[in-house]
């Protein structure tokens, strides 16, 4: 059996906007409907919680890679929890374990994950209307970067990136 496709949805926790959470919830649903595994930071806040809830509602499999070892912050919608006790260093695990990273919204942690993904040649979809973020990351990773303004477009771009022959395994 071939490896399941894993899509990482990264985004702000406590700093997530209502739009970030709504987009993340829809992303989770769409990822599950594709039969892909959803990977998040696993916490019960912000984009992580919303994406995991969306995937669960759609019958998807959810994976959470947490930076601590305390299960109190774990989303109830996470099927498989990996407690790393690595703090922010777990961001590298998140991106290296994802076939495509979708950044839903933007914050410092999300920016670090996008940078790590691009540095490692991982495809990234930015689902944000933050023009500064779009401009900044485009100058470093235009070859592996796509920009979306809706969850539907983010999934369409993800499909394209997954089928790209230049994609790193």
N, C-alpha and C. Protein backbone atom coordinates (compact mmCIF):
# COMPACT_ATOMS: atom_id res chain seq x y z
N UNK A 1 0.84 -1.18 0.00
CA UNK A 1 0.00 0.00 0.00
C UNK A 1 0.89 1.24 0.00
N UNK A 2 0.62 2.19 -0.90
CA UNK A 2 1.45 3.41 -0.95
C UNK A 2 1.21 4.29 0.28
N UNK A 3 2.20 5.12 0.57
CA UNK A 3 2.11 6.07 1.68
C UNK A 3 0.93 7.00 1.46
N UNK A 4 0.22 7.28 2.54
CA UNK A 4 -0.89 8.25 2.45
C UNK A 4 -0.33 9.65 2.28
N UNK A 5 -1.01 10.46 1.51
CA UNK A 5 -0.63 11.86 1.34
C UNK A 5 -0.96 12.61 2.62
N UNK A 6 0.01 13.36 3.12
CA UNK A 6 -0.16 14.13 4.35
C UNK A 6 -0.05 15.61 4.03
N UNK A 7 -1.10 16.33 4.39
CA UNK A 7 -1.14 17.77 4.14
C UNK A 7 -1.06 18.49 5.48
N UNK A 8 -0.04 19.31 5.64
CA UNK A 8 0.13 20.09 6.86
C UNK A 8 -0.59 21.41 6.76
N UNK A 9 -1.45 21.69 7.72
CA UNK A 9 -2.10 23.00 7.79
C UNK A 9 -1.50 23.71 8.99
N UNK A 10 -0.78 24.77 8.71
CA UNK A 10 -0.09 25.53 9.74
C UNK A 10 -0.73 26.91 9.83
N UNK A 11 -0.84 27.41 11.03
CA UNK A 11 -1.42 28.73 11.21
C UNK A 11 -1.41 29.13 12.67
N UNK A 12 -1.82 30.36 12.92
CA UNK A 12 -1.79 30.88 14.29
C UNK A 12 -2.68 30.09 15.24
N UNK A 13 -2.25 30.03 16.48
CA UNK A 13 -3.06 29.43 17.55
C UNK A 13 -3.93 30.50 18.16
N UNK A 14 -3.47 31.07 19.26
CA UNK A 14 -4.25 32.09 19.96
C UNK A 14 -4.48 33.33 19.11
N UNK A 15 -3.60 33.63 18.18
CA UNK A 15 -3.72 34.84 17.36
C UNK A 15 -4.53 34.66 16.08
N UNK A 16 -5.16 33.50 15.90
CA UNK A 16 -5.93 33.26 14.68
C UNK A 16 -7.15 34.17 14.63
N UNK A 17 -7.42 34.69 13.45
CA UNK A 17 -8.62 35.51 13.25
C UNK A 17 -9.82 34.59 12.98
N UNK A 18 -11.00 35.17 13.01
CA UNK A 18 -12.20 34.39 12.69
C UNK A 18 -12.12 33.86 11.25
N UNK A 19 -11.58 34.67 10.35
CA UNK A 19 -11.42 34.23 8.96
C UNK A 19 -10.43 33.07 8.87
N UNK A 20 -9.30 33.15 9.62
CA UNK A 20 -8.33 32.05 9.64
C UNK A 20 -9.01 30.76 10.09
N UNK A 21 -9.79 30.85 11.16
CA UNK A 21 -10.45 29.65 11.71
C UNK A 21 -11.48 29.09 10.72
N UNK A 22 -12.24 29.97 10.08
CA UNK A 22 -13.24 29.51 9.10
C UNK A 22 -12.55 28.84 7.90
N UNK A 23 -11.47 29.45 7.40
CA UNK A 23 -10.71 28.86 6.29
C UNK A 23 -10.11 27.52 6.70
N UNK A 24 -9.58 27.45 7.92
CA UNK A 24 -8.96 26.21 8.39
C UNK A 24 -9.98 25.09 8.52
N UNK A 25 -11.16 25.41 9.03
CA UNK A 25 -12.22 24.41 9.16
C UNK A 25 -12.58 23.84 7.78
N UNK A 26 -12.75 24.73 6.81
CA UNK A 26 -13.07 24.28 5.46
C UNK A 26 -11.91 23.49 4.85
N UNK A 27 -10.68 23.93 5.10
CA UNK A 27 -9.51 23.17 4.62
C UNK A 27 -9.52 21.76 5.17
N UNK A 28 -9.79 21.63 6.47
CA UNK A 28 -9.84 20.30 7.08
C UNK A 28 -10.86 19.41 6.39
N UNK A 29 -12.05 19.97 6.12
CA UNK A 29 -13.08 19.20 5.42
C UNK A 29 -12.62 18.78 4.03
N UNK A 30 -12.03 19.73 3.30
CA UNK A 30 -11.60 19.45 1.94
C UNK A 30 -10.45 18.44 1.89
N UNK A 31 -9.53 18.55 2.83
CA UNK A 31 -8.41 17.59 2.91
C UNK A 31 -8.94 16.19 3.17
N UNK A 32 -9.86 16.07 4.11
CA UNK A 32 -10.47 14.76 4.40
C UNK A 32 -11.21 14.22 3.20
N UNK A 33 -11.92 15.07 2.47
CA UNK A 33 -12.69 14.61 1.31
C UNK A 33 -11.79 14.10 0.19
N UNK A 34 -10.52 14.54 0.18
CA UNK A 34 -9.56 14.05 -0.80
C UNK A 34 -8.94 12.70 -0.38
N UNK A 35 -9.21 12.30 0.87
CA UNK A 35 -8.61 11.07 1.40
C UNK A 35 -7.20 11.29 1.93
N UNK A 36 -6.82 12.55 2.11
CA UNK A 36 -5.50 12.87 2.63
C UNK A 36 -5.52 12.92 4.15
N UNK A 37 -4.37 12.74 4.77
CA UNK A 37 -4.21 12.88 6.21
C UNK A 37 -3.95 14.35 6.51
N UNK A 38 -4.61 14.88 7.54
CA UNK A 38 -4.38 16.25 7.98
C UNK A 38 -3.34 16.23 9.11
N UNK A 39 -2.31 17.04 8.96
CA UNK A 39 -1.29 17.22 9.99
C UNK A 39 -1.36 18.66 10.49
N UNK A 40 -1.43 18.84 11.80
CA UNK A 40 -1.39 20.17 12.40
C UNK A 40 -0.46 20.13 13.61
N UNK A 41 -0.36 21.27 14.28
CA UNK A 41 0.37 21.35 15.53
C UNK A 41 -0.38 20.71 16.69
N UNK A 42 -1.61 20.25 16.44
CA UNK A 42 -2.34 19.41 17.38
C UNK A 42 -3.03 20.09 18.55
N UNK A 43 -2.81 21.39 18.71
CA UNK A 43 -3.38 22.06 19.88
C UNK A 43 -4.87 22.36 19.70
N UNK A 44 -5.52 22.67 20.82
CA UNK A 44 -6.97 22.92 20.82
C UNK A 44 -7.31 24.40 20.67
N UNK A 45 -6.53 25.12 19.88
CA UNK A 45 -6.76 26.55 19.64
C UNK A 45 -6.53 26.88 18.16
N UNK A 46 -7.17 27.97 17.73
CA UNK A 46 -6.88 28.58 16.44
C UNK A 46 -7.03 27.68 15.24
N UNK A 47 -6.10 27.86 14.31
CA UNK A 47 -6.11 27.13 13.04
C UNK A 47 -5.99 25.63 13.27
N UNK A 48 -5.18 25.23 14.23
CA UNK A 48 -4.98 23.80 14.50
C UNK A 48 -6.31 23.14 14.88
N UNK A 49 -7.02 23.74 15.82
CA UNK A 49 -8.30 23.20 16.27
C UNK A 49 -9.33 23.21 15.14
N UNK A 50 -9.45 24.32 14.44
CA UNK A 50 -10.45 24.44 13.39
C UNK A 50 -10.22 23.44 12.27
N UNK A 51 -8.97 23.30 11.81
CA UNK A 51 -8.67 22.34 10.73
C UNK A 51 -8.96 20.91 11.18
N UNK A 52 -8.55 20.58 12.40
CA UNK A 52 -8.79 19.23 12.92
C UNK A 52 -10.28 18.95 13.04
N UNK A 53 -11.06 19.92 13.54
CA UNK A 53 -12.51 19.75 13.66
C UNK A 53 -13.14 19.55 12.27
N UNK A 54 -12.72 20.35 11.30
CA UNK A 54 -13.25 20.21 9.95
C UNK A 54 -12.97 18.84 9.35
N UNK A 55 -11.75 18.36 9.53
CA UNK A 55 -11.39 17.04 9.01
C UNK A 55 -12.19 15.94 9.69
N UNK A 56 -12.38 16.04 11.00
CA UNK A 56 -13.13 15.02 11.73
C UNK A 56 -14.58 14.97 11.27
N UNK A 57 -15.20 16.14 11.08
CA UNK A 57 -16.59 16.19 10.61
C UNK A 57 -16.73 15.49 9.26
N UNK A 58 -15.68 15.57 8.44
CA UNK A 58 -15.71 14.96 7.11
C UNK A 58 -15.16 13.52 7.11
N UNK A 59 -14.90 12.97 8.30
CA UNK A 59 -14.46 11.58 8.40
C UNK A 59 -12.99 11.36 8.12
N UNK A 60 -12.18 12.41 8.23
CA UNK A 60 -10.76 12.29 7.93
C UNK A 60 -9.90 11.83 9.09
N UNK A 61 -8.66 11.52 8.78
CA UNK A 61 -7.66 11.11 9.77
C UNK A 61 -6.81 12.33 10.11
N UNK A 62 -6.65 12.59 11.42
CA UNK A 62 -5.93 13.78 11.87
C UNK A 62 -4.71 13.39 12.71
N UNK A 63 -3.64 14.10 12.46
CA UNK A 63 -2.37 13.88 13.15
C UNK A 63 -1.93 15.20 13.75
N UNK A 64 -1.56 15.19 15.01
CA UNK A 64 -1.09 16.40 15.67
C UNK A 64 0.31 16.20 16.22
N UNK A 65 1.23 17.08 15.86
CA UNK A 65 2.60 17.03 16.38
C UNK A 65 2.75 18.21 17.34
N UNK A 66 2.78 17.90 18.61
CA UNK A 66 2.78 18.93 19.65
C UNK A 66 4.19 19.22 20.14
N UNK A 67 4.42 20.47 20.50
CA UNK A 67 5.74 20.88 20.96
C UNK A 67 6.01 20.57 22.41
N UNK A 68 4.99 20.14 23.15
CA UNK A 68 5.18 19.84 24.57
C UNK A 68 4.85 18.38 24.86
N UNK A 69 4.67 18.07 26.13
CA UNK A 69 4.30 16.70 26.50
C UNK A 69 3.04 16.68 27.36
N UNK A 70 2.32 17.79 27.34
CA UNK A 70 1.14 17.96 28.16
C UNK A 70 -0.11 17.77 27.31
N UNK A 71 -0.88 16.75 27.60
CA UNK A 71 -2.06 16.43 26.79
C UNK A 71 -3.22 17.40 27.02
N UNK A 72 -3.12 18.30 27.98
CA UNK A 72 -4.22 19.24 28.23
C UNK A 72 -4.44 20.20 27.06
N UNK A 73 -3.42 20.44 26.26
CA UNK A 73 -3.58 21.35 25.12
C UNK A 73 -3.96 20.63 23.83
N UNK A 74 -4.13 19.32 23.89
CA UNK A 74 -4.44 18.50 22.71
C UNK A 74 -5.88 18.71 22.25
N UNK A 75 -6.06 18.89 20.96
CA UNK A 75 -7.39 18.97 20.37
C UNK A 75 -8.08 17.61 20.47
N UNK A 76 -9.34 17.62 20.86
CA UNK A 76 -10.12 16.38 20.92
C UNK A 76 -10.33 15.80 19.52
N UNK A 77 -10.09 16.58 18.49
CA UNK A 77 -10.28 16.12 17.11
C UNK A 77 -9.02 15.50 16.51
N UNK A 78 -7.98 15.34 17.31
CA UNK A 78 -6.73 14.72 16.82
C UNK A 78 -6.79 13.22 17.08
N UNK A 79 -6.62 12.43 16.02
CA UNK A 79 -6.62 10.96 16.14
C UNK A 79 -5.29 10.44 16.65
N UNK A 80 -4.21 10.96 16.10
CA UNK A 80 -2.87 10.50 16.46
C UNK A 80 -2.09 11.70 16.97
N UNK A 81 -1.68 11.65 18.23
CA UNK A 81 -0.93 12.75 18.83
C UNK A 81 0.51 12.31 19.05
N UNK A 82 1.43 13.17 18.62
CA UNK A 82 2.85 12.92 18.84
C UNK A 82 3.35 14.06 19.72
N UNK A 83 3.73 13.71 20.95
CA UNK A 83 4.22 14.69 21.91
C UNK A 83 5.75 14.70 21.82
N UNK A 84 6.32 15.83 21.45
CA UNK A 84 7.75 15.87 21.16
C UNK A 84 8.59 16.48 22.28
N UNK A 85 8.01 17.34 23.10
CA UNK A 85 8.75 18.08 24.13
C UNK A 85 9.91 18.85 23.49
N UNK A 86 9.71 19.30 22.25
CA UNK A 86 10.74 20.03 21.51
C UNK A 86 10.44 21.52 21.36
N UNK A 87 9.33 21.99 21.92
CA UNK A 87 8.96 23.39 21.76
C UNK A 87 8.82 23.74 20.29
N UNK A 88 9.34 24.90 19.91
CA UNK A 88 9.22 25.35 18.52
C UNK A 88 10.03 24.52 17.54
N UNK A 89 10.97 23.74 18.03
CA UNK A 89 11.75 22.87 17.13
C UNK A 89 10.86 21.84 16.45
N UNK A 90 9.68 21.60 17.02
CA UNK A 90 8.76 20.66 16.40
C UNK A 90 8.26 21.17 15.05
N UNK A 91 8.44 22.47 14.77
CA UNK A 91 8.01 23.02 13.48
C UNK A 91 8.71 22.31 12.33
N UNK A 92 9.96 21.93 12.53
CA UNK A 92 10.68 21.21 11.47
C UNK A 92 10.04 19.84 11.23
N UNK A 93 9.62 19.17 12.30
CA UNK A 93 8.94 17.88 12.15
C UNK A 93 7.63 18.06 11.37
N UNK A 94 6.91 19.14 11.69
CA UNK A 94 5.64 19.39 10.99
C UNK A 94 5.84 19.50 9.49
N UNK A 95 6.82 20.29 9.07
CA UNK A 95 6.98 20.50 7.63
C UNK A 95 7.62 19.30 6.94
N UNK A 96 8.58 18.66 7.58
CA UNK A 96 9.21 17.50 6.94
C UNK A 96 8.27 16.30 6.83
N UNK A 97 7.25 16.27 7.68
CA UNK A 97 6.28 15.17 7.65
C UNK A 97 5.12 15.45 6.71
N UNK A 98 5.06 16.64 6.15
CA UNK A 98 3.97 17.03 5.24
C UNK A 98 4.43 16.92 3.79
N UNK A 99 3.52 16.47 2.93
CA UNK A 99 3.81 16.46 1.49
C UNK A 99 3.64 17.85 0.91
N UNK A 100 2.68 18.60 1.42
CA UNK A 100 2.47 20.00 1.08
C UNK A 100 2.10 20.71 2.37
N UNK A 101 2.58 21.92 2.54
CA UNK A 101 2.22 22.75 3.69
C UNK A 101 1.28 23.85 3.21
N UNK A 102 0.14 23.97 3.88
CA UNK A 102 -0.77 25.09 3.62
C UNK A 102 -0.70 26.00 4.84
N UNK A 103 -0.24 27.22 4.63
CA UNK A 103 -0.20 28.21 5.70
C UNK A 103 -1.51 28.98 5.67
N UNK A 104 -2.31 28.81 6.70
CA UNK A 104 -3.62 29.43 6.80
C UNK A 104 -3.53 30.56 7.81
N UNK A 105 -3.44 31.79 7.30
CA UNK A 105 -3.17 32.92 8.18
C UNK A 105 -1.67 33.04 8.37
N UNK A 106 -1.27 33.98 9.23
CA UNK A 106 0.17 34.17 9.42
C UNK A 106 0.45 34.67 10.84
N UNK A 107 1.50 34.13 11.40
CA UNK A 107 2.04 34.54 12.69
C UNK A 107 3.49 34.14 12.70
N UNK A 108 4.19 34.39 13.78
CA UNK A 108 5.62 34.07 13.82
C UNK A 108 5.88 32.57 13.68
N UNK A 109 5.11 31.74 14.38
CA UNK A 109 5.29 30.30 14.26
C UNK A 109 5.01 29.81 12.86
N UNK A 110 3.95 30.34 12.26
CA UNK A 110 3.59 29.97 10.89
C UNK A 110 4.68 30.41 9.92
N UNK A 111 5.20 31.61 10.11
CA UNK A 111 6.28 32.10 9.24
C UNK A 111 7.51 31.20 9.34
N UNK A 112 7.80 30.72 10.54
CA UNK A 112 8.96 29.83 10.69
C UNK A 112 8.72 28.51 9.96
N UNK A 113 7.48 28.01 10.01
CA UNK A 113 7.17 26.76 9.31
C UNK A 113 7.24 26.94 7.80
N UNK A 114 6.75 28.06 7.30
CA UNK A 114 6.83 28.33 5.85
C UNK A 114 8.30 28.42 5.43
N UNK A 115 9.10 29.13 6.21
CA UNK A 115 10.53 29.27 5.89
C UNK A 115 11.22 27.91 5.89
N UNK A 116 10.94 27.09 6.89
CA UNK A 116 11.55 25.76 6.95
C UNK A 116 11.11 24.90 5.78
N UNK A 117 9.84 24.99 5.42
CA UNK A 117 9.34 24.21 4.28
C UNK A 117 10.04 24.62 3.00
N UNK A 118 10.11 25.92 2.74
CA UNK A 118 10.76 26.40 1.52
C UNK A 118 12.25 26.03 1.52
N UNK A 119 12.89 26.15 2.66
CA UNK A 119 14.32 25.81 2.75
C UNK A 119 14.54 24.34 2.41
N UNK A 120 13.57 23.49 2.74
CA UNK A 120 13.68 22.06 2.48
C UNK A 120 13.05 21.64 1.16
N UNK A 121 12.64 22.60 0.34
CA UNK A 121 12.08 22.28 -0.97
C UNK A 121 10.68 21.71 -0.91
N UNK A 122 9.98 21.93 0.20
CA UNK A 122 8.61 21.44 0.33
C UNK A 122 7.66 22.44 -0.31
N UNK A 123 6.66 21.98 -1.03
CA UNK A 123 5.69 22.90 -1.61
C UNK A 123 4.84 23.56 -0.52
N UNK A 124 4.55 24.84 -0.74
CA UNK A 124 3.78 25.63 0.23
C UNK A 124 2.68 26.38 -0.51
N UNK A 125 1.49 26.37 0.09
CA UNK A 125 0.38 27.21 -0.36
C UNK A 125 0.11 28.21 0.74
N UNK A 126 0.18 29.50 0.40
CA UNK A 126 -0.16 30.55 1.36
C UNK A 126 -1.63 30.90 1.18
N UNK A 127 -2.42 30.66 2.21
CA UNK A 127 -3.82 31.06 2.22
C UNK A 127 -3.93 32.23 3.18
N UNK A 128 -3.55 33.39 2.68
CA UNK A 128 -3.57 34.61 3.47
C UNK A 128 -3.71 35.80 2.54
N UNK A 129 -4.37 36.82 3.03
CA UNK A 129 -4.46 38.05 2.24
C UNK A 129 -3.40 39.06 2.68
N UNK A 130 -2.47 38.63 3.51
CA UNK A 130 -1.39 39.49 3.99
C UNK A 130 -0.36 39.67 2.87
N UNK A 131 -0.42 40.81 2.21
CA UNK A 131 0.45 41.07 1.05
C UNK A 131 1.93 41.06 1.41
N UNK A 132 2.26 41.53 2.61
CA UNK A 132 3.67 41.54 3.03
C UNK A 132 4.21 40.12 3.12
N UNK A 133 3.43 39.21 3.68
CA UNK A 133 3.85 37.80 3.77
C UNK A 133 4.00 37.20 2.38
N UNK A 134 3.03 37.48 1.51
CA UNK A 134 3.09 36.96 0.15
C UNK A 134 4.36 37.43 -0.57
N UNK A 135 4.63 38.72 -0.46
CA UNK A 135 5.81 39.30 -1.11
C UNK A 135 7.10 38.73 -0.53
N UNK A 136 7.17 38.66 0.79
CA UNK A 136 8.37 38.17 1.46
C UNK A 136 8.70 36.74 1.03
N UNK A 137 7.73 35.84 1.13
CA UNK A 137 8.01 34.43 0.84
C UNK A 137 8.18 34.17 -0.65
N UNK A 138 7.53 34.95 -1.50
CA UNK A 138 7.70 34.78 -2.94
C UNK A 138 9.14 35.01 -3.37
N UNK A 139 9.80 35.98 -2.75
CA UNK A 139 11.19 36.25 -3.15
C UNK A 139 12.13 35.10 -2.80
N UNK A 140 11.75 34.25 -1.86
CA UNK A 140 12.62 33.14 -1.46
C UNK A 140 12.21 31.80 -2.05
N UNK A 141 10.94 31.64 -2.35
CA UNK A 141 10.51 30.30 -2.74
C UNK A 141 9.51 30.25 -3.85
N UNK A 142 9.60 31.15 -4.80
CA UNK A 142 8.60 31.22 -5.87
C UNK A 142 8.42 29.89 -6.58
N UNK A 143 9.47 29.11 -6.69
CA UNK A 143 9.41 27.81 -7.38
C UNK A 143 8.51 26.81 -6.65
N UNK A 144 8.47 26.90 -5.32
CA UNK A 144 7.72 25.94 -4.51
C UNK A 144 6.53 26.58 -3.80
N UNK A 145 6.14 27.77 -4.22
CA UNK A 145 5.13 28.54 -3.50
C UNK A 145 3.96 28.89 -4.39
N UNK A 146 2.75 28.73 -3.85
CA UNK A 146 1.53 29.15 -4.53
C UNK A 146 0.72 29.98 -3.54
N UNK A 147 -0.07 30.88 -4.06
CA UNK A 147 -0.88 31.76 -3.21
C UNK A 147 -2.35 31.57 -3.55
N UNK A 148 -3.14 31.38 -2.49
CA UNK A 148 -4.58 31.16 -2.65
C UNK A 148 -5.35 32.18 -1.82
N UNK A 149 -6.56 32.49 -2.28
CA UNK A 149 -7.40 33.38 -1.50
C UNK A 149 -8.65 32.68 -0.96
N UNK A 150 -8.81 31.39 -1.30
CA UNK A 150 -9.92 30.60 -0.76
C UNK A 150 -9.43 29.19 -0.45
N UNK A 151 -10.08 28.48 0.46
CA UNK A 151 -9.72 27.09 0.71
C UNK A 151 -9.85 26.21 -0.54
N UNK A 152 -10.89 26.44 -1.35
CA UNK A 152 -11.05 25.64 -2.58
C UNK A 152 -9.84 25.80 -3.50
N UNK A 153 -9.39 27.04 -3.69
CA UNK A 153 -8.22 27.27 -4.53
C UNK A 153 -6.97 26.66 -3.89
N UNK A 154 -6.86 26.73 -2.58
CA UNK A 154 -5.70 26.12 -1.89
C UNK A 154 -5.64 24.62 -2.17
N UNK A 155 -6.77 23.95 -2.17
CA UNK A 155 -6.80 22.51 -2.44
C UNK A 155 -6.48 22.24 -3.91
N UNK A 156 -7.01 23.06 -4.80
CA UNK A 156 -6.69 22.91 -6.23
C UNK A 156 -5.18 23.07 -6.45
N UNK A 157 -4.58 24.07 -5.84
CA UNK A 157 -3.14 24.29 -5.97
C UNK A 157 -2.35 23.16 -5.32
N UNK A 158 -2.86 22.64 -4.22
CA UNK A 158 -2.20 21.49 -3.56
C UNK A 158 -2.16 20.29 -4.48
N UNK A 159 -3.28 20.01 -5.15
CA UNK A 159 -3.31 18.90 -6.12
C UNK A 159 -2.26 19.10 -7.20
N UNK A 160 -2.15 20.33 -7.70
CA UNK A 160 -1.16 20.64 -8.74
C UNK A 160 0.25 20.43 -8.21
N UNK A 161 0.52 20.92 -7.01
CA UNK A 161 1.86 20.78 -6.42
C UNK A 161 2.20 19.31 -6.16
N UNK A 162 1.21 18.52 -5.74
CA UNK A 162 1.46 17.09 -5.50
C UNK A 162 1.82 16.35 -6.78
N UNK A 163 1.28 16.79 -7.91
CA UNK A 163 1.54 16.11 -9.17
C UNK A 163 2.77 16.64 -9.90
N UNK A 164 3.40 17.67 -9.34
CA UNK A 164 4.56 18.28 -9.99
C UNK A 164 5.75 17.33 -10.00
N UNK A 165 6.39 17.14 -11.15
CA UNK A 165 7.56 16.25 -11.23
C UNK A 165 8.76 16.79 -10.45
N UNK A 166 8.79 18.09 -10.17
CA UNK A 166 9.94 18.66 -9.46
C UNK A 166 9.79 18.57 -7.94
N UNK A 167 8.67 17.98 -7.47
CA UNK A 167 8.42 17.86 -6.04
C UNK A 167 9.41 16.92 -5.40
N UNK A 168 9.97 17.37 -4.26
CA UNK A 168 10.89 16.51 -3.52
C UNK A 168 10.09 15.48 -2.73
N UNK A 169 10.61 14.24 -2.61
CA UNK A 169 9.89 13.23 -1.83
C UNK A 169 9.93 13.55 -0.36
